[in-house]
C-alpha cells in the first residue's frame, strides 16, 4: 500500500521536472527580436550588398539554432524552426547571388526541411522554388519543372507565392524550348488575382515577395530563351518602368540590373548594338560587390550574342564586348572561382 511519503516524493519529482521545463522557456521578447531582425533583413535584401547579407543572416541562423536547444516549449520550437527556415532561405538566395550554387542548393534544402518540421506550406514552397530556380541554372530544366510543380502543391499559398512559382516554371519551360508551356505559365503567373495572401511572401515580403516588376523581369528572360525579342523588350521595359516609380535608393539592383541586361539582349536580337549600349549604361555603374549571378550570367549571354556574324568587326560591338569582360572580372562570383554552366543560353 502507498503511504503519504510515497505520494509526496512523486509530487516533488513532478514539481522538480515542471520547474526545469519552465526554466527552459525563453523570454518571448527574445523571439520577437529574432523575428523582427529577420523581417528587416528580408526587406532590405535588395538594398544591402550580398556579402553583408550573408554575414547578418548567418548570425541569425546560428542564433535560432542555439535558442532551439534552450527551450522545451512546443510553440517556441515552432517559431524558432520558422525563423531558421527563413534564415536558410535567405542564405540560399544570397549564396546564389554570390555565385556559389552548391551552398545555395544546400541552404534551400535545409529551409525546406525546417519548413516540413513545422508543416509550413509557404516556406516549403519558397524553398522548392529556389531549388527549381537553381536546377535550370545548373542545366536541369526538366527537374526544375518538377520542383516548381511540387512547390505549387503546398497548402496556404497566396497569389504572390503562386505568381513566383509559375514564373519559375515558365523559365524552366523556356530552357526546354517549350513555347506553349512557357507561354501558358507566363499567363498563369499574370492571372493570380484571387486576393489570397500568406505571411512569408506578403506580410514579410522583401526578398520573399514577387511583385509585378519582378514578374516582368522574369518573363523577359523567358521570352529571351524563346528568342522572342519583342516580348522580352516589352516585359523588360515594364519591369524598369515599374521600378522607376519608386525612390532611387529603394530600387533593388538584383531586379533592375537583370531587367536592364535583358532589355539590351532583346535589342541585340534585332541587331541594335547602340540601343543595347544605352540599356547597359546603368548596369556598368553597378559596384563590384553588387554584381551577382543574375546580372553576370545575363551579361555573359549578351557577350555571346555579340559573337554572331552580324556583329563581326563592328567597332560598337567590339567595344561593348570589352566592357562586358572588364565588368565581369571584378564580380564576386568570379572572385569565388565559380564555374557554373551558362544558365541563360544565347
C-alpha atoms as a PDB file:
ATOM      1  CA  UNK A   1       0.000   0.000   0.000  1.00  0.00           C
ATOM      2  CA  UNK A   2       1.137   3.519  -0.782  1.00  0.00           C
ATOM      3  CA  UNK A   3       1.664   5.865   2.098  1.00  0.00           C
ATOM      4  CA  UNK A   4       1.772   9.659   2.160  1.00  0.00           C
ATOM      5  CA  UNK A   5       5.582   9.801   1.879  1.00  0.00           C
ATOM      6  CA  UNK A   6       5.440   7.965  -1.471  1.00  0.00           C
ATOM      7  CA  UNK A   7       2.860  10.401  -2.766  1.00  0.00           C
ATOM      8  CA  UNK A   8       4.882  13.382  -1.580  1.00  0.00           C
ATOM      9  CA  UNK A   9       8.056  12.040  -3.224  1.00  0.00           C
ATOM     10  CA  UNK A  10       6.270  11.581  -6.546  1.00  0.00           C
ATOM     11  CA  UNK A  11       4.725  15.045  -6.254  1.00  0.00           C
ATOM     12  CA  UNK A  12       8.143  16.593  -5.558  1.00  0.00           C
ATOM     13  CA  UNK A  13       9.677  14.805  -8.573  1.00  0.00           C
ATOM     14  CA  UNK A  14       6.869  16.070 -10.807  1.00  0.00           C
ATOM     15  CA  UNK A  15       7.239  19.604  -9.466  1.00  0.00           C
ATOM     16  CA  UNK A  16      11.001  19.477  -9.991  1.00  0.00           C
ATOM     17  CA  UNK A  17      10.584  18.333 -13.595  1.00  0.00           C
ATOM     18  CA  UNK A  18       7.970  21.016 -14.232  1.00  0.00           C
ATOM     19  CA  UNK A  19      10.294  23.610 -12.773  1.00  0.00           C
ATOM     20  CA  UNK A  20      13.120  22.536 -15.053  1.00  0.00           C
ATOM     21  CA  UNK A  21      10.797  22.684 -18.031  1.00  0.00           C
ATOM     22  CA  UNK A  22       9.601  26.151 -17.021  1.00  0.00           C
ATOM     23  CA  UNK A  23      13.170  27.331 -16.696  1.00  0.00           C
ATOM     24  CA  UNK A  24      13.778  26.175 -20.283  1.00  0.00           C
ATOM     25  CA  UNK A  25      11.258  28.650 -21.634  1.00  0.00           C
ATOM     26  CA  UNK A  26      12.661  31.654 -23.451  1.00  0.00           C
ATOM     27  CA  UNK A  27      11.592  35.218 -22.915  1.00  0.00           C
ATOM     28  CA  UNK A  28       9.099  35.954 -25.695  1.00  0.00           C
ATOM     29  CA  UNK A  29      10.830  39.267 -26.395  1.00  0.00           C
ATOM     30  CA  UNK A  30      13.931  37.323 -27.458  1.00  0.00           C
ATOM     31  CA  UNK A  31      11.922  35.505 -30.093  1.00  0.00           C
ATOM     32  CA  UNK A  32      10.158  38.713 -31.116  1.00  0.00           C
ATOM     33  CA  UNK A  33      13.519  40.406 -31.671  1.00  0.00           C
ATOM     34  CA  UNK A  34      14.827  37.486 -33.732  1.00  0.00           C
ATOM     35  CA  UNK A  35      11.760  37.601 -35.970  1.00  0.00           C
ATOM     36  CA  UNK A  36      11.963  41.388 -36.305  1.00  0.00           C
ATOM     37  CA  UNK A  37      15.622  41.112 -37.341  1.00  0.00           C
ATOM     38  CA  UNK A  38      14.757  38.519 -39.997  1.00  0.00           C
ATOM     39  CA  UNK A  39      11.913  40.641 -41.356  1.00  0.00           C
ATOM     40  CA  UNK A  40      14.142  43.702 -41.624  1.00  0.00           C
ATOM     41  CA  UNK A  41      16.871  41.667 -43.294  1.00  0.00           C
ATOM     42  CA  UNK A  42      14.433  40.250 -45.868  1.00  0.00           C
ATOM     43  CA  UNK A  43      13.081  43.724 -46.603  1.00  0.00           C
ATOM     44  CA  UNK A  44      16.472  45.384 -47.031  1.00  0.00           C
ATOM     45  CA  UNK A  45      17.903  42.487 -49.033  1.00  0.00           C
ATOM     46  CA  UNK A  46      17.680  44.424 -52.279  1.00  0.00           C
ATOM     47  CA  UNK A  47      19.478  47.451 -50.848  1.00  0.00           C
ATOM     48  CA  UNK A  48      22.260  45.618 -48.986  1.00  0.00           C
ATOM     49  CA  UNK A  49      25.418  44.155 -50.514  1.00  0.00           C
ATOM     50  CA  UNK A  50      25.247  40.337 -50.742  1.00  0.00           C
ATOM     51  CA  UNK A  51      28.331  39.748 -48.595  1.00  0.00           C
ATOM     52  CA  UNK A  52      26.816  41.808 -45.758  1.00  0.00           C
ATOM     53  CA  UNK A  53      23.511  39.951 -46.075  1.00  0.00           C
ATOM     54  CA  UNK A  54      25.358  36.644 -45.814  1.00  0.00           C
ATOM     55  CA  UNK A  55      27.111  37.639 -42.597  1.00  0.00           C
ATOM     56  CA  UNK A  56      23.985  39.037 -40.928  1.00  0.00           C
ATOM     57  CA  UNK A  57      21.812  36.080 -41.947  1.00  0.00           C
ATOM     58  CA  UNK A  58      24.371  33.521 -40.810  1.00  0.00           C
ATOM     59  CA  UNK A  59      24.335  35.129 -37.351  1.00  0.00           C
ATOM     60  CA  UNK A  60      20.529  34.912 -37.199  1.00  0.00           C
ATOM     61  CA  UNK A  61      20.508  31.268 -38.305  1.00  0.00           C
ATOM     62  CA  UNK A  62      23.065  30.418 -35.633  1.00  0.00           C
ATOM     63  CA  UNK A  63      21.015  32.284 -33.043  1.00  0.00           C
ATOM     64  CA  UNK A  64      17.831  30.409 -33.907  1.00  0.00           C
ATOM     65  CA  UNK A  65      19.658  27.068 -33.715  1.00  0.00           C
ATOM     66  CA  UNK A  66      21.138  27.899 -30.295  1.00  0.00           C
ATOM     67  CA  UNK A  67      17.772  29.046 -28.960  1.00  0.00           C
ATOM     68  CA  UNK A  68      16.139  25.813 -30.103  1.00  0.00           C
ATOM     69  CA  UNK A  69      18.335  23.994 -27.575  1.00  0.00           C
ATOM     70  CA  UNK A  70      17.264  26.313 -24.755  1.00  0.00           C
ATOM     71  CA  UNK A  71      13.514  25.840 -24.793  1.00  0.00           C
ATOM     72  CA  UNK A  72      11.107  22.977 -24.340  1.00  0.00           C
ATOM     73  CA  UNK A  73       8.058  24.952 -25.384  1.00  0.00           C
ATOM     74  CA  UNK A  74       6.405  23.437 -28.488  1.00  0.00           C
ATOM     75  CA  UNK A  75       5.120  26.863 -29.502  1.00  0.00           C
ATOM     76  CA  UNK A  76       8.579  28.378 -29.219  1.00  0.00           C
ATOM     77  CA  UNK A  77      10.066  25.471 -31.148  1.00  0.00           C
ATOM     78  CA  UNK A  78       7.616  26.240 -33.973  1.00  0.00           C
ATOM     79  CA  UNK A  79       8.612  29.909 -34.005  1.00  0.00           C
ATOM     80  CA  UNK A  80      12.312  29.074 -33.959  1.00  0.00           C
ATOM     81  CA  UNK A  81      12.083  26.457 -36.718  1.00  0.00           C
ATOM     82  CA  UNK A  82      10.219  29.038 -38.785  1.00  0.00           C
ATOM     83  CA  UNK A  83      12.989  31.566 -38.118  1.00  0.00           C
ATOM     84  CA  UNK A  84      15.630  29.001 -39.079  1.00  0.00           C
ATOM     85  CA  UNK A  85      13.710  28.222 -42.273  1.00  0.00           C
ATOM     86  CA  UNK A  86      13.598  31.907 -43.215  1.00  0.00           C
ATOM     87  CA  UNK A  87      17.280  32.412 -42.479  1.00  0.00           C
ATOM     88  CA  UNK A  88      18.236  29.331 -44.501  1.00  0.00           C
ATOM     89  CA  UNK A  89      16.092  30.529 -47.412  1.00  0.00           C
ATOM     90  CA  UNK A  90      17.797  33.932 -47.378  1.00  0.00           C
ATOM     91  CA  UNK A  91      21.193  32.229 -47.258  1.00  0.00           C
ATOM     92  CA  UNK A  92      20.200  30.173 -50.300  1.00  0.00           C
ATOM     93  CA  UNK A  93      19.302  33.352 -52.179  1.00  0.00           C
ATOM     94  CA  UNK A  94      22.444  35.250 -51.240  1.00  0.00           C
ATOM     95  CA  UNK A  95      24.718  32.249 -51.906  1.00  0.00           C
ATOM     96  CA  UNK A  96      23.272  32.096 -55.391  1.00  0.00           C
ATOM     97  CA  UNK A  97      23.790  35.836 -55.872  1.00  0.00           C
ATOM     98  CA  UNK A  98      27.414  35.347 -54.833  1.00  0.00           C
ATOM     99  CA  UNK A  99      27.814  32.662 -57.500  1.00  0.00           C
ATOM    100  CA  UNK A 100      28.054  29.692 -55.114  1.00  0.00           C
ATOM    101  CA  UNK A 101      25.487  27.241 -56.459  1.00  0.00           C
ATOM    102  CA  UNK A 102      26.325  24.200 -54.293  1.00  0.00           C
ATOM    103  CA  UNK A 103      25.884  26.025 -50.948  1.00  0.00           C
ATOM    104  CA  UNK A 104      22.758  27.682 -52.324  1.00  0.00           C
ATOM    105  CA  UNK A 105      21.162  24.309 -53.053  1.00  0.00           C
ATOM    106  CA  UNK A 106      22.169  23.008 -49.617  1.00  0.00           C
ATOM    107  CA  UNK A 107      20.643  26.022 -47.837  1.00  0.00           C
ATOM    108  CA  UNK A 108      17.430  25.678 -49.866  1.00  0.00           C
ATOM    109  CA  UNK A 109      17.109  22.031 -48.861  1.00  0.00           C
ATOM    110  CA  UNK A 110      17.758  22.976 -45.233  1.00  0.00           C
ATOM    111  CA  UNK A 111      14.993  25.568 -45.404  1.00  0.00           C
ATOM    112  CA  UNK A 112      12.605  23.007 -46.871  1.00  0.00           C
ATOM    113  CA  UNK A 113      13.404  20.557 -44.055  1.00  0.00           C
ATOM    114  CA  UNK A 114      12.801  23.164 -41.374  1.00  0.00           C
ATOM    115  CA  UNK A 115       9.520  24.049 -43.063  1.00  0.00           C
ATOM    116  CA  UNK A 116       8.499  20.402 -43.194  1.00  0.00           C
ATOM    117  CA  UNK A 117       9.210  20.044 -39.468  1.00  0.00           C
ATOM    118  CA  UNK A 118       6.528  22.615 -38.669  1.00  0.00           C
ATOM    119  CA  UNK A 119       4.250  21.868 -41.665  1.00  0.00           C
ATOM    120  CA  UNK A 120       4.623  25.406 -43.026  1.00  0.00           C
ATOM    121  CA  UNK A 121       3.492  25.362 -46.666  1.00  0.00           C
ATOM    122  CA  UNK A 122       4.666  28.820 -47.806  1.00  0.00           C
ATOM    123  CA  UNK A 123       8.244  28.411 -46.586  1.00  0.00           C
ATOM    124  CA  UNK A 124       8.460  24.948 -48.148  1.00  0.00           C
ATOM    125  CA  UNK A 125       7.093  26.355 -51.403  1.00  0.00           C
ATOM    126  CA  UNK A 126       9.662  29.157 -51.355  1.00  0.00           C
ATOM    127  CA  UNK A 127      12.489  26.663 -50.769  1.00  0.00           C
ATOM    128  CA  UNK A 128      11.301  24.319 -53.513  1.00  0.00           C
ATOM    129  CA  UNK A 129      11.007  27.311 -55.826  1.00  0.00           C
ATOM    130  CA  UNK A 130      14.623  28.156 -55.056  1.00  0.00           C
ATOM    131  CA  UNK A 131      15.642  24.575 -55.820  1.00  0.00           C
ATOM    132  CA  UNK A 132      13.707  24.711 -59.099  1.00  0.00           C
ATOM    133  CA  UNK A 133      15.344  28.032 -59.962  1.00  0.00           C
ATOM    134  CA  UNK A 134      18.800  26.636 -59.301  1.00  0.00           C
ATOM    135  CA  UNK A 135      18.061  23.422 -61.191  1.00  0.00           C
ATOM    136  CA  UNK A 136      17.691  25.190 -64.520  1.00  0.00           C
ATOM    137  CA  UNK A 137      20.704  27.345 -63.770  1.00  0.00           C
ATOM    138  CA  UNK A 138      22.563  24.064 -63.327  1.00  0.00           C
ATOM    139  CA  UNK A 139      21.378  22.779 -66.699  1.00  0.00           C
ATOM    140  CA  UNK A 140      18.494  20.593 -65.427  1.00  0.00           C
ATOM    141  CA  UNK A 141      15.332  22.297 -66.705  1.00  0.00           C
ATOM    142  CA  UNK A 142      13.249  19.111 -66.579  1.00  0.00           C
ATOM    143  CA  UNK A 143      13.999  18.771 -62.871  1.00  0.00           C
ATOM    144  CA  UNK A 144      13.196  22.465 -62.452  1.00  0.00           C
ATOM    145  CA  UNK A 145       9.703  21.930 -63.874  1.00  0.00           C
ATOM    146  CA  UNK A 146       9.112  19.020 -61.490  1.00  0.00           C
ATOM    147  CA  UNK A 147      10.268  21.005 -58.454  1.00  0.00           C
ATOM    148  CA  UNK A 148       8.168  24.034 -59.401  1.00  0.00           C
ATOM    149  CA  UNK A 149       5.061  21.891 -59.778  1.00  0.00           C
ATOM    150  CA  UNK A 150       5.774  20.201 -56.431  1.00  0.00           C
ATOM    151  CA  UNK A 151       6.060  23.619 -54.797  1.00  0.00           C
ATOM    152  CA  UNK A 152       2.657  24.615 -56.157  1.00  0.00           C
ATOM    153  CA  UNK A 153       1.035  21.748 -54.228  1.00  0.00           C
ATOM    154  CA  UNK A 154       1.864  23.052 -50.746  1.00  0.00           C
ATOM    155  CA  UNK A 155      -1.022  24.462 -48.747  1.00  0.00           C
ATOM    156  CA  UNK A 156      -1.586  28.001 -47.566  1.00  0.00           C
ATOM    157  CA  UNK A 157      -0.073  29.772 -50.586  1.00  0.00           C
ATOM    158  CA  UNK A 158      -1.185  33.262 -51.574  1.00  0.00           C
ATOM    159  CA  UNK A 159      -1.209  34.859 -55.009  1.00  0.00           C
ATOM    160  CA  UNK A 160       2.353  36.166 -54.638  1.00  0.00           C
ATOM    161  CA  UNK A 161       3.742  32.711 -53.923  1.00  0.00           C
ATOM    162  CA  UNK A 162       1.899  31.189 -56.879  1.00  0.00           C
ATOM    163  CA  UNK A 163       2.930  34.033 -59.200  1.00  0.00           C
ATOM    164  CA  UNK A 164       6.558  33.391 -58.284  1.00  0.00           C
ATOM    165  CA  UNK A 165       6.278  29.640 -58.843  1.00  0.00           C
ATOM    166  CA  UNK A 166       4.557  29.984 -62.219  1.00  0.00           C
ATOM    167  CA  UNK A 167       7.251  32.466 -63.304  1.00  0.00           C
ATOM    168  CA  UNK A 168       9.963  29.994 -62.308  1.00  0.00           C
ATOM    169  CA  UNK A 169       8.145  27.205 -64.143  1.00  0.00           C
ATOM    170  CA  UNK A 170       7.916  29.426 -67.234  1.00  0.00           C
ATOM    171  CA  UNK A 171      11.681  29.938 -67.177  1.00  0.00           C
ATOM    172  CA  UNK A 172      12.227  26.181 -66.921  1.00  0.00           C
ATOM    173  CA  UNK A 173       9.962  25.567 -69.928  1.00  0.00           C
ATOM    174  CA  UNK A 174      11.883  28.298 -71.729  1.00  0.00           C
ATOM    175  CA  UNK A 175      15.122  26.392 -71.202  1.00  0.00           C
ATOM    176  CA  UNK A 176      13.373  23.342 -72.649  1.00  0.00           C
ATOM    177  CA  UNK A 177      12.319  25.485 -75.648  1.00  0.00           C
ATOM    178  CA  UNK A 178       8.714  24.505 -74.971  1.00  0.00           C
ATOM    179  CA  UNK A 179       6.985  27.614 -76.278  1.00  0.00           C
ATOM    180  CA  UNK A 180       3.430  26.529 -75.499  1.00  0.00           C
ATOM    181  CA  UNK A 181       4.084  25.530 -71.894  1.00  0.00           C
ATOM    182  CA  UNK A 182       6.261  28.588 -71.250  1.00  0.00           C
ATOM    183  CA  UNK A 183       3.597  30.965 -72.540  1.00  0.00           C
ATOM    184  CA  UNK A 184       0.911  29.178 -70.520  1.00  0.00           C
ATOM    185  CA  UNK A 185       2.953  29.508 -67.333  1.00  0.00           C
ATOM    186  CA  UNK A 186       3.503  33.216 -68.032  1.00  0.00           C
ATOM    187  CA  UNK A 187      -0.273  33.646 -68.365  1.00  0.00           C
ATOM    188  CA  UNK A 188      -0.821  31.670 -65.159  1.00  0.00           C
ATOM    189  CA  UNK A 189       1.619  33.943 -63.332  1.00  0.00           C
ATOM    190  CA  UNK A 190      -0.152  37.074 -64.551  1.00  0.00           C
ATOM    191  CA  UNK A 191      -3.606  35.728 -63.641  1.00  0.00           C
ATOM    192  CA  UNK A 192      -3.022  35.271 -59.889  1.00  0.00           C
ATOM    193  CA  UNK A 193      -5.568  37.786 -58.605  1.00  0.00           C
ATOM    194  CA  UNK A 194      -7.685  35.854 -56.076  1.00  0.00           C
ATOM    195  CA  UNK A 195      -6.696  38.122 -53.195  1.00  0.00           C
ATOM    196  CA  UNK A 196      -5.186  35.248 -51.176  1.00  0.00           C
ATOM    197  CA  UNK A 197      -2.127  36.096 -49.086  1.00  0.00           C
ATOM    198  CA  UNK A 198       0.370  34.306 -46.888  1.00  0.00           C
ATOM    199  CA  UNK A 199       2.638  35.622 -44.169  1.00  0.00           C
ATOM    200  CA  UNK A 200       6.005  34.819 -45.750  1.00  0.00           C
ATOM    201  CA  UNK A 201       5.504  36.149 -49.271  1.00  0.00           C
ATOM    202  CA  UNK A 202       3.124  39.018 -48.498  1.00  0.00           C
ATOM    203  CA  UNK A 203       3.382  40.177 -44.881  1.00  0.00           C
ATOM    204  CA  UNK A 204       7.133  39.733 -44.516  1.00  0.00           C
ATOM    205  CA  UNK A 205       7.814  40.303 -48.211  1.00  0.00           C
ATOM    206  CA  UNK A 206      11.132  41.802 -49.203  1.00  0.00           C
ATOM    207  CA  UNK A 207      13.236  39.074 -50.761  1.00  0.00           C
ATOM    208  CA  UNK A 208      10.321  36.681 -50.252  1.00  0.00           C
ATOM    209  CA  UNK A 209       7.984  38.915 -52.265  1.00  0.00           C
ATOM    210  CA  UNK A 210       7.465  38.709 -56.019  1.00  0.00           C
ATOM    211  CA  UNK A 211       5.854  41.894 -57.242  1.00  0.00           C
ATOM    212  CA  UNK A 212       4.839  42.998 -60.736  1.00  0.00           C
ATOM    213  CA  UNK A 213       8.338  44.308 -61.549  1.00  0.00           C
ATOM    214  CA  UNK A 214       9.990  41.052 -60.593  1.00  0.00           C
ATOM    215  CA  UNK A 215       7.403  39.084 -62.550  1.00  0.00           C
ATOM    216  CA  UNK A 216       8.001  41.215 -65.640  1.00  0.00           C
ATOM    217  CA  UNK A 217      11.772  40.809 -65.298  1.00  0.00           C
ATOM    218  CA  UNK A 218      11.455  37.018 -65.088  1.00  0.00           C
ATOM    219  CA  UNK A 219       9.063  36.924 -68.042  1.00  0.00           C
ATOM    220  CA  UNK A 220      11.520  38.968 -70.102  1.00  0.00           C
ATOM    221  CA  UNK A 221      14.173  36.319 -69.524  1.00  0.00           C
ATOM    222  CA  UNK A 222      11.740  33.577 -70.518  1.00  0.00           C
ATOM    223  CA  UNK A 223      10.992  35.410 -73.766  1.00  0.00           C
ATOM    224  CA  UNK A 224      14.718  35.663 -74.491  1.00  0.00           C
ATOM    225  CA  UNK A 225      15.051  31.911 -74.057  1.00  0.00           C
ATOM    226  CA  UNK A 226      12.316  31.580 -76.689  1.00  0.00           C
ATOM    227  CA  UNK A 227      14.118  34.126 -78.919  1.00  0.00           C
ATOM    228  CA  UNK A 228      11.105  36.443 -78.695  1.00  0.00           C
ATOM    229  CA  UNK A 229      12.774  39.854 -78.910  1.00  0.00           C
ATOM    230  CA  UNK A 230       9.541  41.879 -78.874  1.00  0.00           C
ATOM    231  CA  UNK A 231       8.104  40.082 -75.848  1.00  0.00           C
ATOM    232  CA  UNK A 232      11.411  40.366 -73.997  1.00  0.00           C
ATOM    233  CA  UNK A 233      11.712  44.082 -74.660  1.00  0.00           C
ATOM    234  CA  UNK A 234       8.121  44.716 -73.585  1.00  0.00           C
ATOM    235  CA  UNK A 235       8.495  42.824 -70.303  1.00  0.00           C
ATOM    236  CA  UNK A 236      11.941  44.279 -69.538  1.00  0.00           C
ATOM    237  CA  UNK A 237      10.694  47.803 -70.237  1.00  0.00           C
ATOM    238  CA  UNK A 238       7.686  47.216 -67.989  1.00  0.00           C
ATOM    239  CA  UNK A 239       9.937  45.987 -65.169  1.00  0.00           C
ATOM    240  CA  UNK A 240      12.181  49.041 -65.422  1.00  0.00           C
ATOM    241  CA  UNK A 241       9.193  51.395 -65.639  1.00  0.00           C
ATOM    242  CA  UNK A 242       7.642  49.910 -62.503  1.00  0.00           C
ATOM    243  CA  UNK A 243      10.952  50.141 -60.662  1.00  0.00           C
ATOM    244  CA  UNK A 244      11.382  53.730 -61.801  1.00  0.00           C
ATOM    245  CA  UNK A 245       8.242  54.825 -59.972  1.00  0.00           C
ATOM    246  CA  UNK A 246       9.851  54.205 -56.567  1.00  0.00           C
ATOM    247  CA  UNK A 247      12.612  56.076 -54.725  1.00  0.00           C
ATOM    248  CA  UNK A 248      16.064  55.663 -56.278  1.00  0.00           C
ATOM    249  CA  UNK A 249      17.529  54.317 -53.057  1.00  0.00           C
ATOM    250  CA  UNK A 250      14.869  51.610 -52.868  1.00  0.00           C
ATOM    251  CA  UNK A 251      15.306  50.127 -56.347  1.00  0.00           C
ATOM    252  CA  UNK A 252      16.642  46.583 -55.916  1.00  0.00           C
ATOM    253  CA  UNK A 253      19.731  46.165 -58.083  1.00  0.00           C
ATOM    254  CA  UNK A 254      19.088  42.414 -58.185  1.00  0.00           C
ATOM    255  CA  UNK A 255      15.937  43.181 -60.204  1.00  0.00           C
ATOM    256  CA  UNK A 256      16.766  46.390 -62.084  1.00  0.00           C
ATOM    257  CA  UNK A 257      20.182  45.113 -63.189  1.00  0.00           C
ATOM    258  CA  UNK A 258      18.927  41.877 -64.809  1.00  0.00           C
ATOM    259  CA  UNK A 259      15.979  43.727 -66.373  1.00  0.00           C
ATOM    260  CA  UNK A 260      18.336  46.248 -67.988  1.00  0.00           C
ATOM    261  CA  UNK A 261      20.565  43.475 -69.345  1.00  0.00           C
ATOM    262  CA  UNK A 262      17.518  41.650 -70.706  1.00  0.00           C
ATOM    263  CA  UNK A 263      16.456  44.850 -72.448  1.00  0.00           C
ATOM    264  CA  UNK A 264      19.925  45.061 -74.008  1.00  0.00           C
ATOM    265  CA  UNK A 265      19.776  41.428 -75.115  1.00  0.00           C
ATOM    266  CA  UNK A 266      16.364  41.944 -76.705  1.00  0.00           C
ATOM    267  CA  UNK A 267      17.833  44.806 -78.745  1.00  0.00           C
ATOM    268  CA  UNK A 268      20.836  42.697 -79.731  1.00  0.00           C
ATOM    269  CA  UNK A 269      18.442  40.095 -81.116  1.00  0.00           C
ATOM    270  CA  UNK A 270      17.346  42.840 -83.531  1.00  0.00           C
ATOM    271  CA  UNK A 271      20.995  43.805 -84.213  1.00  0.00           C
ATOM    272  CA  UNK A 272      20.585  47.135 -82.377  1.00  0.00           C
ATOM    273  CA  UNK A 273      24.014  47.489 -80.783  1.00  0.00           C
ATOM    274  CA  UNK A 274      23.638  51.177 -79.976  1.00  0.00           C
ATOM    275  CA  UNK A 275      20.318  50.510 -78.247  1.00  0.00           C
ATOM    276  CA  UNK A 276      21.922  47.708 -76.239  1.00  0.00           C
ATOM    277  CA  UNK A 277      24.747  50.016 -75.168  1.00  0.00           C
ATOM    278  CA  UNK A 278      22.205  52.583 -73.982  1.00  0.00           C
ATOM    279  CA  UNK A 279      20.331  49.970 -71.935  1.00  0.00           C
ATOM    280  CA  UNK A 280      23.555  48.836 -70.258  1.00  0.00           C
ATOM    281  CA  UNK A 281      24.688  52.290 -69.088  1.00  0.00           C
ATOM    282  CA  UNK A 282      23.219  51.881 -65.567  1.00  0.00           C
ATOM    283  CA  UNK A 283      24.433  48.272 -65.380  1.00  0.00           C
ATOM    284  CA  UNK A 284      28.068  49.225 -65.891  1.00  0.00           C
ATOM    285  CA  UNK A 285      27.743  51.581 -62.908  1.00  0.00           C
ATOM    286  CA  UNK A 286      26.884  48.736 -60.521  1.00  0.00           C
ATOM    287  CA  UNK A 287      29.650  48.405 -57.864  1.00  0.00           C
ATOM    288  CA  UNK A 288      31.643  45.122 -57.845  1.00  0.00           C
ATOM    289  CA  UNK A 289      30.078  43.858 -54.608  1.00  0.00           C
ATOM    290  CA  UNK A 290      26.620  44.024 -56.233  1.00  0.00           C
ATOM    291  CA  UNK A 291      27.486  42.106 -59.390  1.00  0.00           C
ATOM    292  CA  UNK A 292      25.503  38.993 -58.573  1.00  0.00           C
ATOM    293  CA  UNK A 293      24.877  35.912 -60.666  1.00  0.00           C
ATOM    294  CA  UNK A 294      21.614  37.251 -62.064  1.00  0.00           C
ATOM    295  CA  UNK A 295      23.422  40.151 -63.716  1.00  0.00           C
ATOM    296  CA  UNK A 296      26.599  38.311 -64.622  1.00  0.00           C
ATOM    297  CA  UNK A 297      25.069  35.323 -66.397  1.00  0.00           C
ATOM    298  CA  UNK A 298      22.841  37.612 -68.441  1.00  0.00           C
ATOM    299  CA  UNK A 299      25.823  39.731 -69.418  1.00  0.00           C
ATOM    300  CA  UNK A 300      27.693  36.594 -70.447  1.00  0.00           C
ATOM    301  CA  UNK A 301      24.729  35.688 -72.656  1.00  0.00           C
ATOM    302  CA  UNK A 302      24.864  39.206 -74.153  1.00  0.00           C
ATOM    303  CA  UNK A 303      28.580  38.748 -74.762  1.00  0.00           C
ATOM    304  CA  UNK A 304      27.834  35.542 -76.669  1.00  0.00           C
ATOM    305  CA  UNK A 305      25.210  37.380 -78.750  1.00  0.00           C
ATOM    306  CA  UNK A 306      27.952  39.750 -79.854  1.00  0.00           C
ATOM    307  CA  UNK A 307      29.846  36.852 -81.478  1.00  0.00           C
ATOM    308  CA  UNK A 308      27.159  36.427 -84.135  1.00  0.00           C
ATOM    309  CA  UNK A 309      28.355  37.045 -87.730  1.00  0.00           C
ATOM    310  CA  UNK A 310      26.183  40.163 -87.975  1.00  0.00           C
ATOM    311  CA  UNK A 311      28.439  41.909 -85.460  1.00  0.00           C
ATOM    312  CA  UNK A 312      31.793  40.723 -86.823  1.00  0.00           C
ATOM    313  CA  UNK A 313      34.236  43.609 -86.994  1.00  0.00           C
ATOM    314  CA  UNK A 314      31.708  46.227 -85.885  1.00  0.00           C
ATOM    315  CA  UNK A 315      33.509  48.755 -83.624  1.00  0.00           C
ATOM    316  CA  UNK A 316      30.497  49.291 -81.354  1.00  0.00           C
ATOM    317  CA  UNK A 317      30.090  45.544 -80.847  1.00  0.00           C
ATOM    318  CA  UNK A 318      33.803  45.074 -80.088  1.00  0.00           C
ATOM    319  CA  UNK A 319      33.756  47.948 -77.597  1.00  0.00           C
ATOM    320  CA  UNK A 320      30.682  46.561 -75.828  1.00  0.00           C
ATOM    321  CA  UNK A 321      32.232  43.099 -75.613  1.00  0.00           C
ATOM    322  CA  UNK A 322      35.334  44.565 -73.966  1.00  0.00           C
ATOM    323  CA  UNK A 323      33.221  46.489 -71.457  1.00  0.00           C
ATOM    324  CA  UNK A 324      31.390  43.308 -70.503  1.00  0.00           C
ATOM    325  CA  UNK A 325      34.647  41.418 -69.999  1.00  0.00           C
ATOM    326  CA  UNK A 326      36.160  44.175 -67.850  1.00  0.00           C
ATOM    327  CA  UNK A 327      32.971  44.458 -65.802  1.00  0.00           C
ATOM    328  CA  UNK A 328      32.798  40.695 -65.237  1.00  0.00           C
ATOM    329  CA  UNK A 329      36.364  40.401 -63.991  1.00  0.00           C
ATOM    330  CA  UNK A 330      35.524  42.082 -60.673  1.00  0.00           C
ATOM    331  CA  UNK A 331      32.328  40.209 -59.845  1.00  0.00           C
ATOM    332  CA  UNK A 332      32.065  38.251 -56.550  1.00  0.00           C
ATOM    333  CA  UNK A 333      31.262  35.079 -58.493  1.00  0.00           C
ATOM    334  CA  UNK A 334      34.496  35.392 -60.461  1.00  0.00           C
ATOM    335  CA  UNK A 335      36.487  36.032 -57.287  1.00  0.00           C
ATOM    336  CA  UNK A 336      34.909  32.949 -55.672  1.00  0.00           C
ATOM    337  CA  UNK A 337      36.036  30.864 -58.608  1.00  0.00           C
ATOM    338  CA  UNK A 338      32.518  29.961 -59.740  1.00  0.00           C
ATOM    339  CA  UNK A 339      32.450  27.983 -62.970  1.00  0.00           C
ATOM    340  CA  UNK A 340      28.795  27.040 -63.318  1.00  0.00           C
ATOM    341  CA  UNK A 341      27.278  26.127 -66.699  1.00  0.00           C
ATOM    342  CA  UNK A 342      25.776  29.009 -68.612  1.00  0.00           C
ATOM    343  CA  UNK A 343      22.216  29.247 -67.408  1.00  0.00           C
ATOM    344  CA  UNK A 344      20.762  31.650 -69.936  1.00  0.00           C
ATOM    345  CA  UNK A 345      21.670  30.412 -73.381  1.00  0.00           C
ATOM    346  CA  UNK A 346      22.322  32.896 -76.145  1.00  0.00           C
END
